[in-house]
Amino acid sequence: MDEALKENIMGALEQVVDPELGIDIVNLGLVYDIELDEEGTCKVTMTLTSMGCPLAGTIVDQVKTALDGIPEIKNVDVNIVWNPPWSKDRMSRYAKIALGIQ
């Protein structure tokens, strides 16, 4: 996958906001990896801020919706992983400022 397409995908994923924190999943550092195969299946490997997140299904649906508009993508496979565990260190500077984290 070329850089422009990867940027396009990450840009689309910035539309997906974690409902608890009010910040998108990219700036929170929840998206670990993106792959796109020849058949157009985009595999998004990501985590959630907490294991018992009741909104996991909602976030997965939003990821699929966000990537709907990208012509190269035919299917979206969201793979939720807990390893490596998410920590505040993964957040962008923007997310840390927005949440008041030093």
PDB file of N, CA and C in Angstrom:
ATOM      1  N   MET A   1       0.852  -1.174   0.000  1.00  0.00           N
ATOM      2  CA  MET A   1       0.000   0.000   0.000  1.00  0.00           C
ATOM      3  C   MET A   1       0.900   1.241   0.000  1.00  0.00           C
ATOM      4  N   ASP A   2       0.575   2.191  -0.884  1.00  0.00           N
ATOM      5  CA  ASP A   2       1.437   3.372  -0.949  1.00  0.00           C
ATOM      6  C   ASP A   2       1.110   4.358   0.186  1.00  0.00           C
ATOM      7  N   GLU A   3       2.018   5.286   0.397  1.00  0.00           N
ATOM      8  CA  GLU A   3       1.894   6.237   1.510  1.00  0.00           C
ATOM      9  C   GLU A   3       0.645   7.102   1.388  1.00  0.00           C
ATOM     10  N   ALA A   4       0.314   7.518   0.156  1.00  0.00           N
ATOM     11  CA  ALA A   4      -0.854   8.388  -0.041  1.00  0.00           C
ATOM     12  C   ALA A   4      -2.129   7.665   0.394  1.00  0.00           C
ATOM     13  N   LEU A   5      -2.244   6.388   0.026  1.00  0.00           N
ATOM     14  CA  LEU A   5      -3.426   5.611   0.396  1.00  0.00           C
ATOM     15  C   LEU A   5      -3.461   5.405   1.910  1.00  0.00           C
ATOM     16  N   LYS A   6      -2.292   5.113   2.484  1.00  0.00           N
ATOM     17  CA  LYS A   6      -2.225   4.911   3.937  1.00  0.00           C
ATOM     18  C   LYS A   6      -2.649   6.198   4.661  1.00  0.00           C
ATOM     19  N   GLU A   7      -2.183   7.343   4.177  1.00  0.00           N
ATOM     20  CA  GLU A   7      -2.568   8.626   4.774  1.00  0.00           C
ATOM     21  C   GLU A   7      -4.066   8.861   4.636  1.00  0.00           C
ATOM     22  N   ASN A   8      -4.611   8.486   3.482  1.00  0.00           N
ATOM     23  CA  ASN A   8      -6.043   8.615   3.218  1.00  0.00           C
ATOM     24  C   ASN A   8      -6.841   7.777   4.219  1.00  0.00           C
ATOM     25  N   ILE A   9      -6.378   6.543   4.448  1.00  0.00           N
ATOM     26  CA  ILE A   9      -7.048   5.641   5.393  1.00  0.00           C
ATOM     27  C   ILE A   9      -6.951   6.201   6.818  1.00  0.00           C
ATOM     28  N   MET A  10      -5.761   6.642   7.207  1.00  0.00           N
ATOM     29  CA  MET A  10      -5.590   7.192   8.559  1.00  0.00           C
ATOM     30  C   MET A  10      -6.442   8.454   8.726  1.00  0.00           C
ATOM     31  N   GLY A  11      -6.530   9.257   7.675  1.00  0.00           N
ATOM     32  CA  GLY A  11      -7.369  10.456   7.707  1.00  0.00           C
ATOM     33  C   GLY A  11      -8.829  10.094   7.925  1.00  0.00           C
ATOM     34  N   ALA A  12      -9.277   9.037   7.248  1.00  0.00           N
ATOM     35  CA  ALA A  12     -10.666   8.586   7.411  1.00  0.00           C
ATOM     36  C   ALA A  12     -10.885   8.076   8.832  1.00  0.00           C
ATOM     37  N   LEU A  13      -9.888   7.382   9.376  1.00  0.00           N
ATOM     38  CA  LEU A  13     -10.013   6.842  10.735  1.00  0.00           C
ATOM     39  C   LEU A  13     -10.035   7.950  11.792  1.00  0.00           C
ATOM     40  N   GLU A  14      -9.525   9.132  11.442  1.00  0.00           N
ATOM     41  CA  GLU A  14      -9.580  10.261  12.377  1.00  0.00           C
ATOM     42  C   GLU A  14     -11.020  10.741  12.583  1.00  0.00           C
ATOM     43  N   GLN A  15     -11.944  10.260  11.744  1.00  0.00           N
ATOM     44  CA  GLN A  15     -13.365  10.602  11.919  1.00  0.00           C
ATOM     45  C   GLN A  15     -14.006   9.749  13.020  1.00  0.00           C
ATOM     46  N   VAL A  16     -13.310   8.686  13.426  1.00  0.00           N
ATOM     47  CA  VAL A  16     -13.855   7.781  14.451  1.00  0.00           C
ATOM     48  C   VAL A  16     -13.407   8.278  15.824  1.00  0.00           C
ATOM     49  N   VAL A  17     -14.376   8.730  16.614  1.00  0.00           N
ATOM     50  CA  VAL A  17     -14.071   9.334  17.904  1.00  0.00           C
ATOM     51  C   VAL A  17     -14.408   8.357  19.033  1.00  0.00           C
ATOM     52  N   ASP A  18     -13.472   8.203  19.954  1.00  0.00           N
ATOM     53  CA  ASP A  18     -13.727   7.384  21.140  1.00  0.00           C
ATOM     54  C   ASP A  18     -14.780   8.124  21.962  1.00  0.00           C
ATOM     55  N   PRO A  19     -15.963   7.504  22.154  1.00  0.00           N
ATOM     56  CA  PRO A  19     -17.065   8.207  22.814  1.00  0.00           C
ATOM     57  C   PRO A  19     -16.764   8.604  24.264  1.00  0.00           C
ATOM     58  N   GLU A  20     -15.908   7.856  24.935  1.00  0.00           N
ATOM     59  CA  GLU A  20     -15.600   8.159  26.332  1.00  0.00           C
ATOM     60  C   GLU A  20     -14.666   9.362  26.461  1.00  0.00           C
ATOM     61  N   LEU A  21     -13.685   9.442  25.556  1.00  0.00           N
ATOM     62  CA  LEU A  21     -12.672  10.492  25.668  1.00  0.00           C
ATOM     63  C   LEU A  21     -12.919  11.668  24.726  1.00  0.00           C
ATOM     64  N   GLY A  22     -13.753  11.474  23.695  1.00  0.00           N
ATOM     65  CA  GLY A  22     -14.062  12.551  22.771  1.00  0.00           C
ATOM     66  C   GLY A  22     -12.928  12.913  21.831  1.00  0.00           C
ATOM     67  N   ILE A  23     -11.990  11.986  21.647  1.00  0.00           N
ATOM     68  CA  ILE A  23     -10.857  12.205  20.743  1.00  0.00           C
ATOM     69  C   ILE A  23     -10.795  11.026  19.781  1.00  0.00           C
ATOM     70  N   ASP A  24     -10.324  11.299  18.552  1.00  0.00           N
ATOM     71  CA  ASP A  24     -10.334  10.234  17.544  1.00  0.00           C
ATOM     72  C   ASP A  24      -9.318   9.125  17.858  1.00  0.00           C
ATOM     73  N   ILE A  25      -9.596   7.955  17.293  1.00  0.00           N
ATOM     74  CA  ILE A  25      -8.794   6.761  17.590  1.00  0.00           C
ATOM     75  C   ILE A  25      -7.358   6.859  17.073  1.00  0.00           C
ATOM     76  N   VAL A  26      -7.121   7.680  16.045  1.00  0.00           N
ATOM     77  CA  VAL A  26      -5.754   7.827  15.526  1.00  0.00           C
ATOM     78  C   VAL A  26      -4.906   8.628  16.510  1.00  0.00           C
ATOM     79  N   ASN A  27      -5.419   9.792  16.934  1.00  0.00           N
ATOM     80  CA  ASN A  27      -4.662  10.623  17.881  1.00  0.00           C
ATOM     81  C   ASN A  27      -4.530   9.976  19.252  1.00  0.00           C
ATOM     82  N   LEU A  28      -5.472   9.100  19.589  1.00  0.00           N
ATOM     83  CA  LEU A  28      -5.350   8.371  20.852  1.00  0.00           C
ATOM     84  C   LEU A  28      -4.299   7.265  20.762  1.00  0.00           C
ATOM     85  N   GLY A  29      -3.873   6.939  19.549  1.00  0.00           N
ATOM     86  CA  GLY A  29      -2.876   5.879  19.385  1.00  0.00           C
ATOM     87  C   GLY A  29      -3.480   4.490  19.462  1.00  0.00           C
ATOM     88  N   LEU A  30      -4.774   4.381  19.172  1.00  0.00           N
ATOM     89  CA  LEU A  30      -5.442   3.078  19.250  1.00  0.00           C
ATOM     90  C   LEU A  30      -5.241   2.231  18.000  1.00  0.00           C
ATOM     91  N   VAL A  31      -4.883   2.867  16.875  1.00  0.00           N
ATOM     92  CA  VAL A  31      -4.682   2.128  15.625  1.00  0.00           C
ATOM     93  C   VAL A  31      -3.219   1.690  15.569  1.00  0.00           C
ATOM     94  N   TYR A  32      -3.012   0.373  15.573  1.00  0.00           N
ATOM     95  CA  TYR A  32      -1.648  -0.175  15.577  1.00  0.00           C
ATOM     96  C   TYR A  32      -1.130  -0.447  14.170  1.00  0.00           C
ATOM     97  N   ASP A  33      -2.008  -0.911  13.286  1.00  0.00           N
ATOM     98  CA  ASP A  33      -1.540  -1.308  11.963  1.00  0.00           C
ATOM     99  C   ASP A  33      -2.699  -1.297  10.970  1.00  0.00           C
ATOM    100  N   ILE A  34      -2.354  -1.071   9.698  1.00  0.00           N
ATOM    101  CA  ILE A  34      -3.335  -1.133   8.610  1.00  0.00           C
ATOM    102  C   ILE A  34      -2.708  -1.938   7.479  1.00  0.00           C
ATOM    103  N   GLU A  35      -3.461  -2.911   6.977  1.00  0.00           N
ATOM    104  CA  GLU A  35      -2.995  -3.685   5.826  1.00  0.00           C
ATOM    105  C   GLU A  35      -4.102  -3.699   4.790  1.00  0.00           C
ATOM    106  N   LEU A  36      -3.711  -3.760   3.510  1.00  0.00           N
ATOM    107  CA  LEU A  36      -4.695  -3.851   2.439  1.00  0.00           C
ATOM    108  C   LEU A  36      -4.206  -4.922   1.471  1.00  0.00           C
ATOM    109  N   ASP A  37      -5.028  -5.968   1.276  1.00  0.00           N
ATOM    110  CA  ASP A  37      -4.610  -7.037   0.355  1.00  0.00           C
ATOM    111  C   ASP A  37      -5.103  -6.770  -1.068  1.00  0.00           C
ATOM    112  N   GLU A  38      -4.725  -7.652  -1.990  1.00  0.00           N
ATOM    113  CA  GLU A  38      -5.053  -7.477  -3.410  1.00  0.00           C
ATOM    114  C   GLU A  38      -6.556  -7.476  -3.657  1.00  0.00           C
ATOM    115  N   GLU A  39      -7.317  -8.178  -2.804  1.00  0.00           N
ATOM    116  CA  GLU A  39      -8.773  -8.252  -2.996  1.00  0.00           C
ATOM    117  C   GLU A  39      -9.487  -7.013  -2.465  1.00  0.00           C
ATOM    118  N   GLY A  40      -8.728  -6.094  -1.835  1.00  0.00           N
ATOM    119  CA  GLY A  40      -9.347  -4.883  -1.314  1.00  0.00           C
ATOM    120  C   GLY A  40      -9.857  -5.014   0.110  1.00  0.00           C
ATOM    121  N   THR A  41      -9.379  -6.047   0.828  1.00  0.00           N
ATOM    122  CA  THR A  41      -9.753  -6.179   2.236  1.00  0.00           C
ATOM    123  C   THR A  41      -8.755  -5.389   3.070  1.00  0.00           C
ATOM    124  N   CYS A  42      -9.285  -4.434   3.818  1.00  0.00           N
ATOM    125  CA  CYS A  42      -8.446  -3.614   4.688  1.00  0.00           C
ATOM    126  C   CYS A  42      -8.538  -4.178   6.098  1.00  0.00           C
ATOM    127  N   LYS A  43      -7.392  -4.582   6.635  1.00  0.00           N
ATOM    128  CA  LYS A  43      -7.351  -5.103   7.998  1.00  0.00           C
ATOM    129  C   LYS A  43      -6.814  -4.003   8.912  1.00  0.00           C
ATOM    130  N   VAL A  44      -7.646  -3.599   9.863  1.00  0.00           N
ATOM    131  CA  VAL A  44      -7.265  -2.572  10.819  1.00  0.00           C
ATOM    132  C   VAL A  44      -7.011  -3.269  12.158  1.00  0.00           C
ATOM    133  N   THR A  45      -5.753  -3.240  12.594  1.00  0.00           N
ATOM    134  CA  THR A  45      -5.410  -3.811  13.896  1.00  0.00           C
ATOM    135  C   THR A  45      -5.384  -2.658  14.890  1.00  0.00           C
ATOM    136  N   MET A  46      -6.230  -2.763  15.896  1.00  0.00           N
ATOM    137  CA  MET A  46      -6.351  -1.670  16.856  1.00  0.00           C
ATOM    138  C   MET A  46      -6.672  -2.209  18.241  1.00  0.00           C
ATOM    139  N   THR A  47      -6.649  -1.315  19.206  1.00  0.00           N
ATOM    140  CA  THR A  47      -7.026  -1.678  20.557  1.00  0.00           C
ATOM    141  C   THR A  47      -8.056  -0.676  21.045  1.00  0.00           C
ATOM    142  N   LEU A  48      -8.487  -0.828  22.267  1.00  0.00           N
ATOM    143  CA  LEU A  48      -9.424   0.108  22.887  1.00  0.00           C
ATOM    144  C   LEU A  48      -8.789   0.611  24.173  1.00  0.00           C
ATOM    145  N   THR A  49      -9.306   1.719  24.694  1.00  0.00           N
ATOM    146  CA  THR A  49      -8.686   2.285  25.894  1.00  0.00           C
ATOM    147  C   THR A  49      -8.896   1.405  27.119  1.00  0.00           C
ATOM    148  N   SER A  50      -9.973   0.610  27.124  1.00  0.00           N
ATOM    149  CA  SER A  50     -10.180  -0.309  28.250  1.00  0.00           C
ATOM    150  C   SER A  50     -10.760  -1.621  27.747  1.00  0.00           C
ATOM    151  N   MET A  51     -10.382  -2.706  28.397  1.00  0.00           N
ATOM    152  CA  MET A  51     -10.787  -4.033  27.959  1.00  0.00           C
ATOM    153  C   MET A  51     -12.296  -4.222  28.019  1.00  0.00           C
ATOM    154  N   GLY A  52     -12.930  -3.629  29.020  1.00  0.00           N
ATOM    155  CA  GLY A  52     -14.370  -3.805  29.163  1.00  0.00           C
ATOM    156  C   GLY A  52     -15.173  -2.736  28.439  1.00  0.00           C
ATOM    157  N   CYS A  53     -14.577  -2.124  27.425  1.00  0.00           N
ATOM    158  CA  CYS A  53     -15.233  -1.020  26.724  1.00  0.00           C
ATOM    159  C   CYS A  53     -16.583  -1.465  26.165  1.00  0.00           C
ATOM    160  N   PRO A  54     -17.688  -0.908  26.690  1.00  0.00           N
ATOM    161  CA  PRO A  54     -19.013  -1.320  26.232  1.00  0.00           C
ATOM    162  C   PRO A  54     -19.313  -0.827  24.819  1.00  0.00           C
ATOM    163  N   LEU A  55     -18.461   0.070  24.322  1.00  0.00           N
ATOM    164  CA  LEU A  55     -18.722   0.666  23.012  1.00  0.00           C
ATOM    165  C   LEU A  55     -17.876   0.052  21.912  1.00  0.00           C
ATOM    166  N   ALA A  56     -17.268  -1.096  22.190  1.00  0.00           N
ATOM    167  CA  ALA A  56     -16.399  -1.739  21.199  1.00  0.00           C
ATOM    168  C   ALA A  56     -17.134  -1.948  19.878  1.00  0.00           C
ATOM    169  N   GLY A  57     -18.361  -2.466  19.932  1.00  0.00           N
ATOM    170  CA  GLY A  57     -19.135  -2.718  18.717  1.00  0.00           C
ATOM    171  C   GLY A  57     -19.406  -1.450  17.936  1.00  0.00           C
ATOM    172  N   THR A  58     -19.705  -0.377  18.662  1.00  0.00           N
ATOM    173  CA  THR A  58     -19.965   0.916  18.037  1.00  0.00           C
ATOM    174  C   THR A  58     -18.714   1.415  17.328  1.00  0.00           C
ATOM    175  N   ILE A  59     -17.571   1.312  17.986  1.00  0.00           N
ATOM    176  CA  ILE A  59     -16.316   1.791  17.402  1.00  0.00           C
ATOM    177  C   ILE A  59     -15.973   0.976  16.148  1.00  0.00           C
ATOM    178  N   VAL A  60     -16.154  -0.335  16.205  1.00  0.00           N
ATOM    179  CA  VAL A  60     -15.896  -1.195  15.038  1.00  0.00           C
ATOM    180  C   VAL A  60     -16.796  -0.769  13.874  1.00  0.00           C
ATOM    181  N   ASP A  61     -18.077  -0.536  14.154  1.00  0.00           N
ATOM    182  CA  ASP A  61     -19.005  -0.088  13.109  1.00  0.00           C
ATOM    183  C   ASP A  61     -18.569   1.253  12.521  1.00  0.00           C
ATOM    184  N   GLN A  62     -18.125   2.155  13.375  1.00  0.00           N
ATOM    185  CA  GLN A  62     -17.684   3.474  12.909  1.00  0.00           C
ATOM    186  C   GLN A  62     -16.431   3.372  12.039  1.00  0.00           C
ATOM    187  N   VAL A  63     -15.523   2.448  12.386  1.00  0.00           N
ATOM    188  CA  VAL A  63     -14.322   2.229  11.569  1.00  0.00           C
ATOM    189  C   VAL A  63     -14.744   1.778  10.175  1.00  0.00           C
ATOM    190  N   LYS A  64     -15.662   0.814  10.117  1.00  0.00           N
ATOM    191  CA  LYS A  64     -16.139   0.302   8.826  1.00  0.00           C
ATOM    192  C   LYS A  64     -16.813   1.410   8.015  1.00  0.00           C
ATOM    193  N   THR A  65     -17.628   2.214   8.670  1.00  0.00           N
ATOM    194  CA  THR A  65     -18.306   3.322   7.994  1.00  0.00           C
ATOM    195  C   THR A  65     -17.305   4.353   7.480  1.00  0.00           C
ATOM    196  N   ALA A  66     -16.306   4.665   8.291  1.00  0.00           N
ATOM    197  CA  ALA A  66     -15.307   5.672   7.925  1.00  0.00           C
ATOM    198  C   ALA A  66     -14.533   5.261   6.668  1.00  0.00           C
ATOM    199  N   LEU A  67     -14.307   3.955   6.516  1.00  0.00           N
ATOM    200  CA  LEU A  67     -13.502   3.480   5.389  1.00  0.00           C
ATOM    201  C   LEU A  67     -14.347   3.159   4.156  1.00  0.00           C
ATOM    202  N   ASP A  68     -15.667   3.261   4.296  1.00  0.00           N
ATOM    203  CA  ASP A  68     -16.589   2.989   3.189  1.00  0.00           C
ATOM    204  C   ASP A  68     -16.312   3.824   1.946  1.00  0.00           C
ATOM    205  N   GLY A  69     -15.925   5.063   2.144  1.00  0.00           N
ATOM    206  CA  GLY A  69     -15.774   5.986   1.019  1.00  0.00           C
ATOM    207  C   GLY A  69     -14.470   5.849   0.246  1.00  0.00           C
ATOM    208  N   ILE A  70     -13.594   4.942   0.654  1.00  0.00           N
ATOM    209  CA  ILE A  70     -12.304   4.800  -0.029  1.00  0.00           C
ATOM    210  C   ILE A  70     -12.434   3.713  -1.097  1.00  0.00           C
ATOM    211  N   PRO A  71     -12.300   4.109  -2.380  1.00  0.00           N
ATOM    212  CA  PRO A  71     -12.578   3.179  -3.492  1.00  0.00           C
ATOM    213  C   PRO A  71     -11.741   1.893  -3.472  1.00  0.00           C
ATOM    214  N   GLU A  72     -10.505   1.968  -3.002  1.00  0.00           N
ATOM    215  CA  GLU A  72      -9.628   0.784  -2.999  1.00  0.00           C
ATOM    216  C   GLU A  72     -10.084  -0.275  -2.004  1.00  0.00           C
ATOM    217  N   ILE A  73     -10.907   0.130  -1.042  1.00  0.00           N
ATOM    218  CA  ILE A  73     -11.315  -0.785   0.027  1.00  0.00           C
ATOM    219  C   ILE A  73     -12.675  -1.399  -0.280  1.00  0.00           C
ATOM    220  N   LYS A  74     -12.695  -2.730  -0.346  1.00  0.00           N
ATOM    221  CA  LYS A  74     -13.941  -3.464  -0.610  1.00  0.00           C
ATOM    222  C   LYS A  74     -14.538  -4.023   0.683  1.00  0.00           C
ATOM    223  N   ASN A  75     -13.670  -4.475   1.583  1.00  0.00           N
ATOM    224  CA  ASN A  75     -14.088  -5.040   2.870  1.00  0.00           C
ATOM    225  C   ASN A  75     -13.215  -4.471   3.968  1.00  0.00           C
ATOM    226  N   VAL A  76     -13.775  -4.403   5.165  1.00  0.00           N
ATOM    227  CA  VAL A  76     -12.988  -3.959   6.317  1.00  0.00           C
ATOM    228  C   VAL A  76     -13.045  -5.044   7.385  1.00  0.00           C
ATOM    229  N   ASP A  77     -11.869  -5.432   7.858  1.00  0.00           N
ATOM    230  CA  ASP A  77     -11.751  -6.421   8.919  1.00  0.00           C
ATOM    231  C   ASP A  77     -11.082  -5.717  10.101  1.00  0.00           C
ATOM    232  N   VAL A  78     -11.839  -5.523  11.180  1.00  0.00           N
ATOM    233  CA  VAL A  78     -11.281  -4.846  12.355  1.00  0.00           C
ATOM    234  C   VAL A  78     -10.843  -5.901  13.354  1.00  0.00           C
ATOM    235  N   ASN A  79      -9.553  -5.892  13.648  1.00  0.00           N
ATOM    236  CA  ASN A  79      -8.970  -6.855  14.565  1.00  0.00           C
ATOM    237  C   ASN A  79      -8.620  -6.134  15.867  1.00  0.00           C
ATOM    238  N   ILE A  80      -9.403  -6.409  16.930  1.00  0.00           N
ATOM    239  CA  ILE A  80      -9.144  -5.779  18.234  1.00  0.00           C
ATOM    240  C   ILE A  80      -8.146  -6.649  18.997  1.00  0.00           C
ATOM    241  N   VAL A  81      -7.042  -6.030  19.393  1.00  0.00           N
ATOM    242  CA  VAL A  81      -6.011  -6.766  20.135  1.00  0.00           C
ATOM    243  C   VAL A  81      -5.767  -6.082  21.485  1.00  0.00           C
ATOM    244  N   TRP A  82      -5.255  -6.846  22.427  1.00  0.00           N
ATOM    245  CA  TRP A  82      -4.952  -6.285  23.758  1.00  0.00           C
ATOM    246  C   TRP A  82      -3.458  -6.288  24.030  1.00  0.00           C
ATOM    247  N   ASN A  83      -2.706  -6.733  23.047  1.00  0.00           N
ATOM    248  CA  ASN A  83      -1.262  -6.801  23.189  1.00  0.00           C
ATOM    249  C   ASN A  83      -0.628  -6.169  21.965  1.00  0.00           C
ATOM    250  N   PRO A  84       0.180  -5.134  22.047  1.00  0.00           N
ATOM    251  CA  PRO A  84       0.572  -4.500  23.307  1.00  0.00           C
ATOM    252  C   PRO A  84      -0.572  -3.684  23.893  1.00  0.00           C
ATOM    253  N   PRO A  85      -0.631  -3.618  25.226  1.00  0.00           N
ATOM    254  CA  PRO A  85      -1.703  -2.849  25.857  1.00  0.00           C
ATOM    255  C   PRO A  85      -1.562  -1.360  25.540  1.00  0.00           C
ATOM    256  N   TRP A  86      -2.703  -0.693  25.454  1.00  0.00           N
ATOM    257  CA  TRP A  86      -2.688   0.740  25.183  1.00  0.00           C
ATOM    258  C   TRP A  86      -2.225   1.491  26.418  1.00  0.00           C
ATOM    259  N   SER A  87      -1.476   2.564  26.199  1.00  0.00           N
ATOM    260  CA  SER A  87      -1.115   3.454  27.311  1.00  0.00           C
ATOM    261  C   SER A  87      -1.144   4.887  26.795  1.00  0.00           C
ATOM    262  N   LYS A  88      -1.139   5.825  27.720  1.00  0.00           N
ATOM    263  CA  LYS A  88      -1.184   7.246  27.358  1.00  0.00           C
ATOM    264  C   LYS A  88       0.017   7.648  26.507  1.00  0.00           C
ATOM    265  N   ASP A  89       1.111   6.885  26.591  1.00  0.00           N
ATOM    266  CA  ASP A  89       2.315   7.202  25.815  1.00  0.00           C
ATOM    267  C   ASP A  89       2.067   7.129  24.311  1.00  0.00           C
ATOM    268  N   ARG A  90       1.040   6.394  23.900  1.00  0.00           N
ATOM    269  CA  ARG A  90       0.742   6.228  22.475  1.00  0.00           C
ATOM    270  C   ARG A  90      -0.021   7.419  21.893  1.00  0.00           C
ATOM    271  N   MET A  91      -0.524   8.283  22.759  1.00  0.00           N
ATOM    272  CA  MET A  91      -1.321   9.412  22.304  1.00  0.00           C
ATOM    273  C   MET A  91      -0.474  10.472  21.624  1.00  0.00           C
ATOM    274  N   SER A  92      -1.068  11.150  20.654  1.00  0.00           N
ATOM    275  CA  SER A  92      -0.375  12.256  19.993  1.00  0.00           C
ATOM    276  C   SER A  92      -0.323  13.450  20.943  1.00  0.00           C
ATOM    277  N   ARG A  93       0.530  14.402  20.611  1.00  0.00           N
ATOM    278  CA  ARG A  93       0.643  15.622  21.402  1.00  0.00           C
ATOM    279  C   ARG A  93      -0.721  16.312  21.482  1.00  0.00           C
ATOM    280  N   TYR A  94      -1.439  16.329  20.350  1.00  0.00           N
ATOM    281  CA  TYR A  94      -2.767  16.954  20.286  1.00  0.00           C
ATOM    282  C   TYR A  94      -3.714  16.316  21.313  1.00  0.00           C
ATOM    283  N   ALA A  95      -3.743  14.986  21.354  1.00  0.00           N
ATOM    284  CA  ALA A  95      -4.653  14.288  22.268  1.00  0.00           C
ATOM    285  C   ALA A  95      -4.288  14.579  23.727  1.00  0.00           C
ATOM    286  N   LYS A  96      -2.977  14.608  24.014  1.00  0.00           N
ATOM    287  CA  LYS A  96      -2.538  14.873  25.385  1.00  0.00           C
ATOM    288  C   LYS A  96      -2.951  16.277  25.818  1.00  0.00           C
ATOM    289  N   ILE A  97      -2.780  17.253  24.917  1.00  0.00           N
ATOM    290  CA  ILE A  97      -3.166  18.631  25.232  1.00  0.00           C
ATOM    291  C   ILE A  97      -4.674  18.713  25.453  1.00  0.00           C
ATOM    292  N   ALA A  98      -5.440  18.075  24.557  1.00  0.00           N
ATOM    293  CA  ALA A  98      -6.911  18.117  24.643  1.00  0.00           C
ATOM    294  C   ALA A  98      -7.402  17.521  25.957  1.00  0.00           C
ATOM    295  N   LEU A  99      -6.712  16.498  26.450  1.00  0.00           N
ATOM    296  CA  LEU A  99      -7.146  15.834  27.680  1.00  0.00           C
ATOM    297  C   LEU A  99      -6.424  16.378  28.924  1.00  0.00           C
ATOM    298  N   GLY A 100      -5.539  17.350  28.714  1.00  0.00           N
ATOM    299  CA  GLY A 100      -4.842  17.945  29.848  1.00  0.00           C
ATOM    300  C   GLY A 100      -3.823  17.039  30.490  1.00  0.00           C
ATOM    301  N   ILE A 101      -3.205  16.161  29.680  1.00  0.00           N
ATOM    302  CA  ILE A 101      -2.191  15.231  30.205  1.00  0.00           C
ATOM    303  C   ILE A 101      -0.816  15.820  29.926  1.00  0.00           C
ATOM    304  N   GLN A 102       0.015  15.834  30.948  1.00  0.00           N
ATOM    305  CA  GLN A 102       1.381  16.398  30.794  1.00  0.00           C
ATOM    306  C   GLN A 102       2.273  15.456  30.025  1.00  0.00           C
TER     307      GLN A 102
END
